[in-house]
């Protein structure tokens, strides 16, 4: 398995990107490495796909690094409790932008309820 910038070629000829998971995130992700297929046998196309995937990976890691773990642990009863939590309370508790929370709600198909107070 010859590697060039974490990109290797399987016996089928398909190129695959290998990403090493940082040790602090291995428990949460449940793996030491991530292998993502470039779905091509062309090296230049595989490099382009690998570059895109690595950019996405670094973006995700930078978001994880911004999470204040102490706030998450202290605020977990708020999230783990039975019932509902307002998006505003969630954002304030975990110091996260509402846009990120709403995007994750959309990406993960999380149930959202709307409570109206004396509104028509």
PDB file of N, CA and C in Angstrom:
ATOM      1  N   UNK A   1       0.848  -1.172   0.000  1.00  0.00           N
ATOM      2  CA  UNK A   1       0.000   0.000   0.000  1.00  0.00           C
ATOM      3  C   UNK A   1       0.894   1.235   0.000  1.00  0.00           C
ATOM      4  N   UNK A   2       1.142   1.788  -1.129  1.00  0.00           N
ATOM      5  CA  UNK A   2       1.931   3.008  -1.246  1.00  0.00           C
ATOM      6  C   UNK A   2       1.032   4.202  -0.976  1.00  0.00           C
ATOM      7  N   UNK A   3       1.486   5.078  -0.080  1.00  0.00           N
ATOM      8  CA  UNK A   3       0.671   6.240   0.266  1.00  0.00           C
ATOM      9  C   UNK A   3       1.309   7.520  -0.225  1.00  0.00           C
ATOM     10  N   UNK A   4       0.473   8.411  -0.694  1.00  0.00           N
ATOM     11  CA  UNK A   4       0.900   9.742  -1.103  1.00  0.00           C
ATOM     12  C   UNK A   4      -0.150  10.704  -0.569  1.00  0.00           C
ATOM     13  N   UNK A   5       0.252  11.459   0.476  1.00  0.00           N
ATOM     14  CA  UNK A   5      -0.680  12.403   1.097  1.00  0.00           C
ATOM     15  C   UNK A   5      -1.954  11.724   1.581  1.00  0.00           C
ATOM     16  N   UNK A   6      -1.818  10.584   2.256  1.00  0.00           N
ATOM     17  CA  UNK A   6      -2.934   9.810   2.814  1.00  0.00           C
ATOM     18  C   UNK A   6      -3.854   9.240   1.742  1.00  0.00           C
ATOM     19  N   UNK A   7      -3.422   9.211   0.526  1.00  0.00           N
ATOM     20  CA  UNK A   7      -4.210   8.664  -0.569  1.00  0.00           C
ATOM     21  C   UNK A   7      -3.545   7.369  -1.017  1.00  0.00           C
ATOM     22  N   UNK A   8      -4.322   6.296  -1.034  1.00  0.00           N
ATOM     23  CA  UNK A   8      -3.756   5.036  -1.486  1.00  0.00           C
ATOM     24  C   UNK A   8      -4.696   4.366  -2.480  1.00  0.00           C
ATOM     25  N   UNK A   9      -4.150   3.396  -3.180  1.00  0.00           N
ATOM     26  CA  UNK A   9      -4.904   2.719  -4.227  1.00  0.00           C
ATOM     27  C   UNK A   9      -5.175   1.280  -3.809  1.00  0.00           C
ATOM     28  N   UNK A  10      -6.417   0.887  -3.857  1.00  0.00           N
ATOM     29  CA  UNK A  10      -6.800  -0.490  -3.536  1.00  0.00           C
ATOM     30  C   UNK A  10      -6.470  -1.395  -4.720  1.00  0.00           C
ATOM     31  N   UNK A  11      -6.532  -2.692  -4.474  1.00  0.00           N
ATOM     32  CA  UNK A  11      -6.221  -3.642  -5.544  1.00  0.00           C
ATOM     33  C   UNK A  11      -7.192  -3.525  -6.715  1.00  0.00           C
ATOM     34  N   UNK A  12      -8.377  -2.977  -6.460  1.00  0.00           N
ATOM     35  CA  UNK A  12      -9.361  -2.768  -7.527  1.00  0.00           C
ATOM     36  C   UNK A  12      -9.001  -1.574  -8.410  1.00  0.00           C
ATOM     37  N   UNK A  13      -8.034  -0.750  -7.964  1.00  0.00           N
ATOM     38  CA  UNK A  13      -7.638   0.431  -8.718  1.00  0.00           C
ATOM     39  C   UNK A  13      -8.285   1.709  -8.210  1.00  0.00           C
ATOM     40  N   UNK A  14      -9.247   1.586  -7.311  1.00  0.00           N
ATOM     41  CA  UNK A  14      -9.943   2.747  -6.750  1.00  0.00           C
ATOM     42  C   UNK A  14      -9.059   3.400  -5.690  1.00  0.00           C
ATOM     43  N   UNK A  15      -8.976   4.718  -5.726  1.00  0.00           N
ATOM     44  CA  UNK A  15      -8.203   5.453  -4.731  1.00  0.00           C
ATOM     45  C   UNK A  15      -9.052   5.725  -3.493  1.00  0.00           C
ATOM     46  N   UNK A  16      -8.397   5.670  -2.342  1.00  0.00           N
ATOM     47  CA  UNK A  16      -9.067   5.855  -1.055  1.00  0.00           C
ATOM     48  C   UNK A  16      -8.243   6.821  -0.209  1.00  0.00           C
ATOM     49  N   UNK A  17      -8.931   7.700   0.488  1.00  0.00           N
ATOM     50  CA  UNK A  17      -8.291   8.646   1.395  1.00  0.00           C
ATOM     51  C   UNK A  17      -8.335   8.063   2.803  1.00  0.00           C
ATOM     52  N   UNK A  18      -7.189   8.074   3.489  1.00  0.00           N
ATOM     53  CA  UNK A  18      -7.124   7.610   4.871  1.00  0.00           C
ATOM     54  C   UNK A  18      -6.880   8.808   5.771  1.00  0.00           C
ATOM     55  N   UNK A  19      -7.787   8.997   6.726  1.00  0.00           N
ATOM     56  CA  UNK A  19      -7.696  10.105   7.676  1.00  0.00           C
ATOM     57  C   UNK A  19      -7.509   9.519   9.066  1.00  0.00           C
ATOM     58  N   UNK A  20      -6.491   9.962   9.776  1.00  0.00           N
ATOM     59  CA  UNK A  20      -6.266   9.527  11.148  1.00  0.00           C
ATOM     60  C   UNK A  20      -7.070  10.420  12.082  1.00  0.00           C
ATOM     61  N   UNK A  21      -7.870   9.795  12.945  1.00  0.00           N
ATOM     62  CA  UNK A  21      -8.700  10.533  13.898  1.00  0.00           C
ATOM     63  C   UNK A  21      -7.828  10.936  15.089  1.00  0.00           C
ATOM     64  N   UNK A  22      -7.856  12.217  15.477  1.00  0.00           N
ATOM     65  CA  UNK A  22      -7.092  12.638  16.651  1.00  0.00           C
ATOM     66  C   UNK A  22      -7.519  11.847  17.891  1.00  0.00           C
ATOM     67  N   UNK A  23      -6.570  11.558  18.765  1.00  0.00           N
ATOM     68  CA  UNK A  23      -6.832  10.689  19.914  1.00  0.00           C
ATOM     69  C   UNK A  23      -7.953  11.209  20.808  1.00  0.00           C
ATOM     70  N   UNK A  24      -8.113  12.526  20.914  1.00  0.00           N
ATOM     71  CA  UNK A  24      -9.152  13.060  21.806  1.00  0.00           C
ATOM     72  C   UNK A  24     -10.568  12.815  21.281  1.00  0.00           C
ATOM     73  N   UNK A  25     -10.714  12.481  19.988  1.00  0.00           N
ATOM     74  CA  UNK A  25     -12.043  12.245  19.421  1.00  0.00           C
ATOM     75  C   UNK A  25     -12.313  10.767  19.123  1.00  0.00           C
ATOM     76  N   UNK A  26     -11.362   9.898  19.416  1.00  0.00           N
ATOM     77  CA  UNK A  26     -11.512   8.480  19.072  1.00  0.00           C
ATOM     78  C   UNK A  26     -12.641   7.805  19.838  1.00  0.00           C
ATOM     79  N   UNK A  27     -12.847   8.162  21.091  1.00  0.00           N
ATOM     80  CA  UNK A  27     -13.918   7.549  21.873  1.00  0.00           C
ATOM     81  C   UNK A  27     -15.272   7.933  21.288  1.00  0.00           C
ATOM     82  N   UNK A  28     -15.453   9.211  20.964  1.00  0.00           N
ATOM     83  CA  UNK A  28     -16.737   9.666  20.427  1.00  0.00           C
ATOM     84  C   UNK A  28     -17.016   9.074  19.045  1.00  0.00           C
ATOM     85  N   UNK A  29     -15.985   9.007  18.203  1.00  0.00           N
ATOM     86  CA  UNK A  29     -16.173   8.506  16.841  1.00  0.00           C
ATOM     87  C   UNK A  29     -16.096   6.992  16.762  1.00  0.00           C
ATOM     88  N   UNK A  30     -15.465   6.365  17.756  1.00  0.00           N
ATOM     89  CA  UNK A  30     -15.403   4.912  17.795  1.00  0.00           C
ATOM     90  C   UNK A  30     -14.447   4.295  16.787  1.00  0.00           C
ATOM     91  N   UNK A  31     -13.509   5.072  16.283  1.00  0.00           N
ATOM     92  CA  UNK A  31     -12.532   4.538  15.331  1.00  0.00           C
ATOM     93  C   UNK A  31     -11.273   5.377  15.331  1.00  0.00           C
ATOM     94  N   UNK A  32     -10.173   4.737  14.915  1.00  0.00           N
ATOM     95  CA  UNK A  32      -8.878   5.406  14.873  1.00  0.00           C
ATOM     96  C   UNK A  32      -8.612   6.043  13.513  1.00  0.00           C
ATOM     97  N   UNK A  33      -9.197   5.479  12.491  1.00  0.00           N
ATOM     98  CA  UNK A  33      -9.004   5.977  11.127  1.00  0.00           C
ATOM     99  C   UNK A  33     -10.332   6.015  10.391  1.00  0.00           C
ATOM    100  N   UNK A  34     -10.397   6.895   9.421  1.00  0.00           N
ATOM    101  CA  UNK A  34     -11.554   6.973   8.530  1.00  0.00           C
ATOM    102  C   UNK A  34     -11.035   6.759   7.120  1.00  0.00           C
ATOM    103  N   UNK A  35     -11.671   5.859   6.395  1.00  0.00           N
ATOM    104  CA  UNK A  35     -11.303   5.598   5.004  1.00  0.00           C
ATOM    105  C   UNK A  35     -12.479   6.033   4.133  1.00  0.00           C
ATOM    106  N   UNK A  36     -12.197   6.929   3.197  1.00  0.00           N
ATOM    107  CA  UNK A  36     -13.233   7.463   2.310  1.00  0.00           C
ATOM    108  C   UNK A  36     -12.812   7.232   0.866  1.00  0.00           C
ATOM    109  N   UNK A  37     -13.648   6.563   0.127  1.00  0.00           N
ATOM    110  CA  UNK A  37     -13.346   6.256  -1.260  1.00  0.00           C
ATOM    111  C   UNK A  37     -13.460   7.501  -2.133  1.00  0.00           C
ATOM    112  N   UNK A  38     -12.517   7.657  -3.043  1.00  0.00           N
ATOM    113  CA  UNK A  38     -12.584   8.744  -4.020  1.00  0.00           C
ATOM    114  C   UNK A  38     -13.454   8.333  -5.205  1.00  0.00           C
ATOM    115  N   UNK A  39     -13.790   7.045  -5.283  1.00  0.00           N
ATOM    116  CA  UNK A  39     -14.661   6.484  -6.329  1.00  0.00           C
ATOM    117  C   UNK A  39     -14.135   6.729  -7.732  1.00  0.00           C
ATOM    118  N   UNK A  40     -12.806   6.690  -7.864  1.00  0.00           N
ATOM    119  CA  UNK A  40     -12.211   6.875  -9.186  1.00  0.00           C
ATOM    120  C   UNK A  40     -10.874   6.140  -9.249  1.00  0.00           C
ATOM    121  N   UNK A  41     -10.489   5.792 -10.454  1.00  0.00           N
ATOM    122  CA  UNK A  41      -9.183   5.168 -10.677  1.00  0.00           C
ATOM    123  C   UNK A  41      -8.185   6.180 -11.238  1.00  0.00           C
ATOM    124  N   UNK A  42      -8.643   7.386 -11.490  1.00  0.00           N
ATOM    125  CA  UNK A  42      -7.795   8.451 -12.019  1.00  0.00           C
ATOM    126  C   UNK A  42      -7.136   9.203 -10.862  1.00  0.00           C
ATOM    127  N   UNK A  43      -5.804   9.225 -10.849  1.00  0.00           N
ATOM    128  CA  UNK A  43      -5.073   9.826  -9.731  1.00  0.00           C
ATOM    129  C   UNK A  43      -5.362  11.315  -9.583  1.00  0.00           C
ATOM    130  N   UNK A  44      -5.384  12.052 -10.656  1.00  0.00           N
ATOM    131  CA  UNK A  44      -5.616  13.502 -10.537  1.00  0.00           C
ATOM    132  C   UNK A  44      -7.030  13.797 -10.024  1.00  0.00           C
ATOM    133  N   UNK A  45      -8.006  13.037 -10.463  1.00  0.00           N
ATOM    134  CA  UNK A  45      -9.374  13.214  -9.957  1.00  0.00           C
ATOM    135  C   UNK A  45      -9.447  12.811  -8.485  1.00  0.00           C
ATOM    136  N   UNK A  46      -8.727  11.748  -8.125  1.00  0.00           N
ATOM    137  CA  UNK A  46      -8.709  11.292  -6.734  1.00  0.00           C
ATOM    138  C   UNK A  46      -8.077  12.340  -5.824  1.00  0.00           C
ATOM    139  N   UNK A  47      -7.036  13.016  -6.304  1.00  0.00           N
ATOM    140  CA  UNK A  47      -6.398  14.081  -5.523  1.00  0.00           C
ATOM    141  C   UNK A  47      -7.376  15.232  -5.280  1.00  0.00           C
ATOM    142  N   UNK A  48      -8.150  15.560  -6.289  1.00  0.00           N
ATOM    143  CA  UNK A  48      -9.135  16.639  -6.149  1.00  0.00           C
ATOM    144  C   UNK A  48     -10.207  16.264  -5.121  1.00  0.00           C
ATOM    145  N   UNK A  49     -10.677  15.021  -5.194  1.00  0.00           N
ATOM    146  CA  UNK A  49     -11.687  14.548  -4.237  1.00  0.00           C
ATOM    147  C   UNK A  49     -11.085  14.524  -2.827  1.00  0.00           C
ATOM    148  N   UNK A  50      -9.850  14.034  -2.712  1.00  0.00           N
ATOM    149  CA  UNK A  50      -9.181  13.964  -1.409  1.00  0.00           C
ATOM    150  C   UNK A  50      -9.004  15.353  -0.812  1.00  0.00           C
ATOM    151  N   UNK A  51      -8.659  16.318  -1.635  1.00  0.00           N
ATOM    152  CA  UNK A  51      -8.495  17.689  -1.164  1.00  0.00           C
ATOM    153  C   UNK A  51      -9.812  18.231  -0.605  1.00  0.00           C
ATOM    154  N   UNK A  52     -10.904  17.959  -1.323  1.00  0.00           N
ATOM    155  CA  UNK A  52     -12.232  18.394  -0.868  1.00  0.00           C
ATOM    156  C   UNK A  52     -12.597  17.712   0.450  1.00  0.00           C
ATOM    157  N   UNK A  53     -12.361  16.402   0.544  1.00  0.00           N
ATOM    158  CA  UNK A  53     -12.692  15.660   1.760  1.00  0.00           C
ATOM    159  C   UNK A  53     -11.841  16.122   2.949  1.00  0.00           C
ATOM    160  N   UNK A  54     -10.565  16.385   2.712  1.00  0.00           N
ATOM    161  CA  UNK A  54      -9.694  16.852   3.792  1.00  0.00           C
ATOM    162  C   UNK A  54     -10.116  18.247   4.270  1.00  0.00           C
ATOM    163  N   UNK A  55     -10.537  19.101   3.352  1.00  0.00           N
ATOM    164  CA  UNK A  55     -11.017  20.433   3.742  1.00  0.00           C
ATOM    165  C   UNK A  55     -12.255  20.310   4.614  1.00  0.00           C
ATOM    166  N   UNK A  56     -13.135  19.420   4.224  1.00  0.00           N
ATOM    167  CA  UNK A  56     -14.365  19.172   5.011  1.00  0.00           C
ATOM    168  C   UNK A  56     -14.014  18.616   6.389  1.00  0.00           C
ATOM    169  N   UNK A  57     -13.055  17.680   6.440  1.00  0.00           N
ATOM    170  CA  UNK A  57     -12.620  17.079   7.695  1.00  0.00           C
ATOM    171  C   UNK A  57     -12.034  18.147   8.625  1.00  0.00           C
ATOM    172  N   UNK A  58     -11.164  19.001   8.097  1.00  0.00           N
ATOM    173  CA  UNK A  58     -10.568  20.042   8.917  1.00  0.00           C
ATOM    174  C   UNK A  58     -11.609  21.047   9.404  1.00  0.00           C
ATOM    175  N   UNK A  59     -12.615  21.292   8.605  1.00  0.00           N
ATOM    176  CA  UNK A  59     -13.706  22.164   9.019  1.00  0.00           C
ATOM    177  C   UNK A  59     -14.463  21.556  10.202  1.00  0.00           C
ATOM    178  N   UNK A  60     -14.747  20.265  10.119  1.00  0.00           N
ATOM    179  CA  UNK A  60     -15.449  19.576  11.212  1.00  0.00           C
ATOM    180  C   UNK A  60     -14.616  19.574  12.483  1.00  0.00           C
ATOM    181  N   UNK A  61     -13.319  19.314  12.353  1.00  0.00           N
ATOM    182  CA  UNK A  61     -12.437  19.289  13.520  1.00  0.00           C
ATOM    183  C   UNK A  61     -12.351  20.671  14.153  1.00  0.00           C
ATOM    184  N   UNK A  62     -12.302  21.712  13.342  1.00  0.00           N
ATOM    185  CA  UNK A  62     -12.233  23.064  13.912  1.00  0.00           C
ATOM    186  C   UNK A  62     -13.520  23.404  14.655  1.00  0.00           C
ATOM    187  N   UNK A  63     -14.671  22.924  14.175  1.00  0.00           N
ATOM    188  CA  UNK A  63     -15.925  23.135  14.897  1.00  0.00           C
ATOM    189  C   UNK A  63     -15.909  22.383  16.215  1.00  0.00           C
ATOM    190  N   UNK A  64     -15.389  21.153  16.213  1.00  0.00           N
ATOM    191  CA  UNK A  64     -15.298  20.384  17.455  1.00  0.00           C
ATOM    192  C   UNK A  64     -14.376  21.062  18.457  1.00  0.00           C
ATOM    193  N   UNK A  65     -13.307  21.662  17.976  1.00  0.00           N
ATOM    194  CA  UNK A  65     -12.368  22.340  18.861  1.00  0.00           C
ATOM    195  C   UNK A  65     -12.977  23.581  19.508  1.00  0.00           C
ATOM    196  N   UNK A  66     -14.019  24.135  18.894  1.00  0.00           N
ATOM    197  CA  UNK A  66     -14.653  25.327  19.435  1.00  0.00           C
ATOM    198  C   UNK A  66     -15.671  25.005  20.525  1.00  0.00           C
ATOM    199  N   UNK A  67     -16.050  23.746  20.641  1.00  0.00           N
ATOM    200  CA  UNK A  67     -17.044  23.350  21.639  1.00  0.00           C
ATOM    201  C   UNK A  67     -16.405  23.430  23.016  1.00  0.00           C
ATOM    202  N   UNK A  68     -17.065  24.102  23.915  1.00  0.00           N
ATOM    203  CA  UNK A  68     -16.587  24.212  25.286  1.00  0.00           C
ATOM    204  C   UNK A  68     -17.084  22.981  26.037  1.00  0.00           C
ATOM    205  N   UNK A  69     -16.199  22.004  26.264  1.00  0.00           N
ATOM    206  CA  UNK A  69     -16.588  20.726  26.870  1.00  0.00           C
ATOM    207  C   UNK A  69     -17.155  20.905  28.269  1.00  0.00           C
ATOM    208  N   UNK A  70     -16.630  21.842  29.038  1.00  0.00           N
ATOM    209  CA  UNK A  70     -17.134  22.078  30.386  1.00  0.00           C
ATOM    210  C   UNK A  70     -18.580  22.528  30.339  1.00  0.00           C
ATOM    211  N   UNK A  71     -18.895  23.422  29.405  1.00  0.00           N
ATOM    212  CA  UNK A  71     -20.273  23.896  29.265  1.00  0.00           C
ATOM    213  C   UNK A  71     -21.204  22.755  28.873  1.00  0.00           C
ATOM    214  N   UNK A  72     -20.734  21.867  28.010  1.00  0.00           N
ATOM    215  CA  UNK A  72     -21.568  20.733  27.589  1.00  0.00           C
ATOM    216  C   UNK A  72     -21.844  19.825  28.777  1.00  0.00           C
ATOM    217  N   UNK A  73     -20.824  19.528  29.574  1.00  0.00           N
ATOM    218  CA  UNK A  73     -21.007  18.658  30.732  1.00  0.00           C
ATOM    219  C   UNK A  73     -21.901  19.305  31.782  1.00  0.00           C
ATOM    220  N   UNK A  74     -21.709  20.601  32.016  1.00  0.00           N
ATOM    221  CA  UNK A  74     -22.541  21.299  32.993  1.00  0.00           C
ATOM    222  C   UNK A  74     -23.973  21.458  32.502  1.00  0.00           C
ATOM    223  N   UNK A  75     -24.150  21.652  31.218  1.00  0.00           N
ATOM    224  CA  UNK A  75     -25.481  21.886  30.656  1.00  0.00           C
ATOM    225  C   UNK A  75     -26.190  20.639  30.207  1.00  0.00           C
ATOM    226  N   UNK A  76     -25.560  19.479  30.353  1.00  0.00           N
ATOM    227  CA  UNK A  76     -26.162  18.252  29.836  1.00  0.00           C
ATOM    228  C   UNK A  76     -27.520  17.917  30.446  1.00  0.00           C
ATOM    229  N   UNK A  77     -27.800  18.222  31.733  1.00  0.00           N
ATOM    230  CA  UNK A  77     -29.154  17.954  32.228  1.00  0.00           C
ATOM    231  C   UNK A  77     -30.218  18.713  31.445  1.00  0.00           C
ATOM    232  N   UNK A  78     -29.850  19.884  30.956  1.00  0.00           N
ATOM    233  CA  UNK A  78     -30.767  20.684  30.157  1.00  0.00           C
ATOM    234  C   UNK A  78     -31.152  19.953  28.878  1.00  0.00           C
ATOM    235  N   UNK A  79     -30.176  19.310  28.262  1.00  0.00           N
ATOM    236  CA  UNK A  79     -30.413  18.608  27.011  1.00  0.00           C
ATOM    237  C   UNK A  79     -30.950  17.207  27.256  1.00  0.00           C
ATOM    238  N   UNK A  80     -30.459  16.541  28.293  1.00  0.00           N
ATOM    239  CA  UNK A  80     -30.827  15.146  28.555  1.00  0.00           C
ATOM    240  C   UNK A  80     -32.185  15.007  29.212  1.00  0.00           C
ATOM    241  N   UNK A  81     -32.735  16.075  29.720  1.00  0.00           N
ATOM    242  CA  UNK A  81     -34.008  15.995  30.430  1.00  0.00           C
ATOM    243  C   UNK A  81     -35.170  15.668  29.509  1.00  0.00           C
ATOM    244  N   UNK A  82     -36.277  15.293  30.134  1.00  0.00           N
ATOM    245  CA  UNK A  82     -37.494  14.976  29.391  1.00  0.00           C
ATOM    246  C   UNK A  82     -38.172  16.280  28.998  1.00  0.00           C
ATOM    247  N   UNK A  83     -38.682  16.333  27.806  1.00  0.00           N
ATOM    248  CA  UNK A  83     -39.388  17.522  27.373  1.00  0.00           C
ATOM    249  C   UNK A  83     -38.670  18.250  26.261  1.00  0.00           C
ATOM    250  N   UNK A  84     -38.871  19.552  26.222  1.00  0.00           N
ATOM    251  CA  UNK A  84     -38.341  20.361  25.145  1.00  0.00           C
ATOM    252  C   UNK A  84     -37.364  21.392  25.679  1.00  0.00           C
ATOM    253  N   UNK A  85     -36.487  21.833  24.814  1.00  0.00           N
ATOM    254  CA  UNK A  85     -35.566  22.919  25.119  1.00  0.00           C
ATOM    255  C   UNK A  85     -35.659  23.913  23.965  1.00  0.00           C
ATOM    256  N   UNK A  86     -35.657  25.170  24.309  1.00  0.00           N
ATOM    257  CA  UNK A  86     -35.728  26.162  23.240  1.00  0.00           C
ATOM    258  C   UNK A  86     -34.372  26.247  22.545  1.00  0.00           C
ATOM    259  N   UNK A  87     -34.416  26.570  21.283  1.00  0.00           N
ATOM    260  CA  UNK A  87     -33.173  26.713  20.520  1.00  0.00           C
ATOM    261  C   UNK A  87     -32.342  27.843  21.106  1.00  0.00           C
ATOM    262  N   UNK A  88     -32.986  28.897  21.542  1.00  0.00           N
ATOM    263  CA  UNK A  88     -32.272  30.024  22.138  1.00  0.00           C
ATOM    264  C   UNK A  88     -31.551  29.601  23.416  1.00  0.00           C
ATOM    265  N   UNK A  89     -32.224  28.829  24.285  1.00  0.00           N
ATOM    266  CA  UNK A  89     -31.587  28.346  25.516  1.00  0.00           C
ATOM    267  C   UNK A  89     -30.406  27.437  25.205  1.00  0.00           C
ATOM    268  N   UNK A  90     -30.564  26.592  24.216  1.00  0.00           N
ATOM    269  CA  UNK A  90     -29.482  25.687  23.802  1.00  0.00           C
ATOM    270  C   UNK A  90     -28.270  26.491  23.336  1.00  0.00           C
ATOM    271  N   UNK A  91     -28.505  27.480  22.509  1.00  0.00           N
ATOM    272  CA  UNK A  91     -27.417  28.302  21.969  1.00  0.00           C
ATOM    273  C   UNK A  91     -26.703  29.068  23.072  1.00  0.00           C
ATOM    274  N   UNK A  92     -27.476  29.617  24.004  1.00  0.00           N
ATOM    275  CA  UNK A  92     -26.882  30.382  25.099  1.00  0.00           C
ATOM    276  C   UNK A  92     -26.107  29.480  26.053  1.00  0.00           C
ATOM    277  N   UNK A  93     -26.642  28.308  26.352  1.00  0.00           N
ATOM    278  CA  UNK A  93     -25.986  27.389  27.279  1.00  0.00           C
ATOM    279  C   UNK A  93     -24.658  26.893  26.739  1.00  0.00           C
ATOM    280  N   UNK A  94     -24.638  26.515  25.459  1.00  0.00           N
ATOM    281  CA  UNK A  94     -23.437  25.926  24.885  1.00  0.00           C
ATOM    282  C   UNK A  94     -22.594  26.912  24.083  1.00  0.00           C
ATOM    283  N   UNK A  95     -22.998  28.183  24.092  1.00  0.00           N
ATOM    284  CA  UNK A  95     -22.268  29.235  23.386  1.00  0.00           C
ATOM    285  C   UNK A  95     -22.014  28.870  21.924  1.00  0.00           C
ATOM    286  N   UNK A  96     -23.101  28.519  21.238  1.00  0.00           N
ATOM    287  CA  UNK A  96     -23.049  28.119  19.833  1.00  0.00           C
ATOM    288  C   UNK A  96     -23.994  29.021  19.056  1.00  0.00           C
ATOM    289  N   UNK A  97     -23.616  29.363  17.850  1.00  0.00           N
ATOM    290  CA  UNK A  97     -24.460  30.210  17.005  1.00  0.00           C
ATOM    291  C   UNK A  97     -25.739  29.464  16.621  1.00  0.00           C
ATOM    292  N   UNK A  98     -26.833  30.178  16.571  1.00  0.00           N
ATOM    293  CA  UNK A  98     -28.123  29.572  16.227  1.00  0.00           C
ATOM    294  C   UNK A  98     -28.091  28.955  14.836  1.00  0.00           C
ATOM    295  N   UNK A  99     -27.333  29.548  13.918  1.00  0.00           N
ATOM    296  CA  UNK A  99     -27.250  29.011  12.563  1.00  0.00           C
ATOM    297  C   UNK A  99     -26.681  27.590  12.567  1.00  0.00           C
ATOM    298  N   UNK A 100     -25.659  27.349  13.408  1.00  0.00           N
ATOM    299  CA  UNK A 100     -25.069  26.005  13.489  1.00  0.00           C
ATOM    300  C   UNK A 100     -26.062  25.003  14.062  1.00  0.00           C
ATOM    301  N   UNK A 101     -26.789  25.411  15.094  1.00  0.00           N
ATOM    302  CA  UNK A 101     -27.774  24.516  15.710  1.00  0.00           C
ATOM    303  C   UNK A 101     -28.877  24.183  14.712  1.00  0.00           C
ATOM    304  N   UNK A 102     -29.384  25.195  14.033  1.00  0.00           N
ATOM    305  CA  UNK A 102     -30.453  24.965  13.060  1.00  0.00           C
ATOM    306  C   UNK A 102     -29.976  24.096  11.902  1.00  0.00           C
ATOM    307  N   UNK A 103     -28.738  24.286  11.467  1.00  0.00           N
ATOM    308  CA  UNK A 103     -28.189  23.457  10.392  1.00  0.00           C
ATOM    309  C   UNK A 103     -28.090  22.003  10.829  1.00  0.00           C
ATOM    310  N   UNK A 104     -27.666  21.761  12.071  1.00  0.00           N
ATOM    311  CA  UNK A 104     -27.580  20.388  12.580  1.00  0.00           C
ATOM    312  C   UNK A 104     -28.963  19.765  12.735  1.00  0.00           C
ATOM    313  N   UNK A 105     -29.940  20.570  13.113  1.00  0.00           N
ATOM    314  CA  UNK A 105     -31.313  20.082  13.206  1.00  0.00           C
ATOM    315  C   UNK A 105     -31.783  19.618  11.830  1.00  0.00           C
ATOM    316  N   UNK A 106     -31.510  20.407  10.804  1.00  0.00           N
ATOM    317  CA  UNK A 106     -31.886  20.033   9.441  1.00  0.00           C
ATOM    318  C   UNK A 106     -31.111  18.820   8.948  1.00  0.00           C
ATOM    319  N   UNK A 107     -29.790  18.773   9.217  1.00  0.00           N
ATOM    320  CA  UNK A 107     -28.957  17.672   8.741  1.00  0.00           C
ATOM    321  C   UNK A 107     -29.330  16.332   9.370  1.00  0.00           C
ATOM    322  N   UNK A 108     -29.820  16.361  10.618  1.00  0.00           N
ATOM    323  CA  UNK A 108     -30.085  15.119  11.342  1.00  0.00           C
ATOM    324  C   UNK A 108     -31.568  14.822  11.521  1.00  0.00           C
ATOM    325  N   UNK A 109     -32.425  15.561  10.850  1.00  0.00           N
ATOM    326  CA  UNK A 109     -33.874  15.339  10.909  1.00  0.00           C
ATOM    327  C   UNK A 109     -34.388  15.263  12.346  1.00  0.00           C
ATOM    328  N   UNK A 110     -33.985  16.219  13.150  1.00  0.00           N
ATOM    329  CA  UNK A 110     -34.404  16.273  14.552  1.00  0.00           C
ATOM    330  C   UNK A 110     -35.793  16.897  14.617  1.00  0.00           C
ATOM    331  N   UNK A 111     -36.648  16.299  15.446  1.00  0.00           N
ATOM    332  CA  UNK A 111     -38.010  16.793  15.611  1.00  0.00           C
ATOM    333  C   UNK A 111     -37.977  18.181  16.248  1.00  0.00           C
ATOM    334  N   UNK A 112     -38.737  19.102  15.682  1.00  0.00           N
ATOM    335  CA  UNK A 112     -38.832  20.462  16.186  1.00  0.00           C
ATOM    336  C   UNK A 112     -40.295  20.782  16.396  1.00  0.00           C
ATOM    337  N   UNK A 113     -40.597  21.341  17.569  1.00  0.00           N
ATOM    338  CA  UNK A 113     -41.964  21.753  17.876  1.00  0.00           C
ATOM    339  C   UNK A 113     -41.983  23.262  18.057  1.00  0.00           C
ATOM    340  N   UNK A 114     -43.096  23.847  17.754  1.00  0.00           N
ATOM    341  CA  UNK A 114     -43.250  25.284  17.883  1.00  0.00           C
ATOM    342  C   UNK A 114     -44.335  25.551  18.912  1.00  0.00           C
ATOM    343  N   UNK A 115     -44.020  26.371  19.920  1.00  0.00           N
ATOM    344  CA  UNK A 115     -45.012  26.721  20.938  1.00  0.00           C
ATOM    345  C   UNK A 115     -45.384  28.177  20.748  1.00  0.00           C
ATOM    346  N   UNK A 116     -46.630  28.426  20.512  1.00  0.00           N
ATOM    347  CA  UNK A 116     -47.108  29.792  20.290  1.00  0.00           C
ATOM    348  C   UNK A 116     -47.860  30.257  21.531  1.00  0.00           C
ATOM    349  N   UNK A 117     -47.552  31.437  21.957  1.00  0.00           N
ATOM    350  CA  UNK A 117     -48.215  31.997  23.130  1.00  0.00           C
ATOM    351  C   UNK A 117     -49.197  33.078  22.691  1.00  0.00           C
ATOM    352  N   UNK A 118     -50.484  32.738  22.678  1.00  0.00           N
ATOM    353  CA  UNK A 118     -51.549  33.675  22.338  1.00  0.00           C
ATOM    354  C   UNK A 118     -51.346  34.316  20.974  1.00  0.00           C
ATOM    355  N   UNK A 119     -50.830  33.553  20.038  1.00  0.00           N
ATOM    356  CA  UNK A 119     -50.645  34.053  18.677  1.00  0.00           C
ATOM    357  C   UNK A 119     -51.756  33.521  17.790  1.00  0.00           C
ATOM    358  N   UNK A 120     -52.154  34.299  16.824  1.00  0.00           N
ATOM    359  CA  UNK A 120     -53.171  33.856  15.885  1.00  0.00           C
ATOM    360  C   UNK A 120     -52.563  32.974  14.824  1.00  0.00           C
TER     361      UNK A 120
END
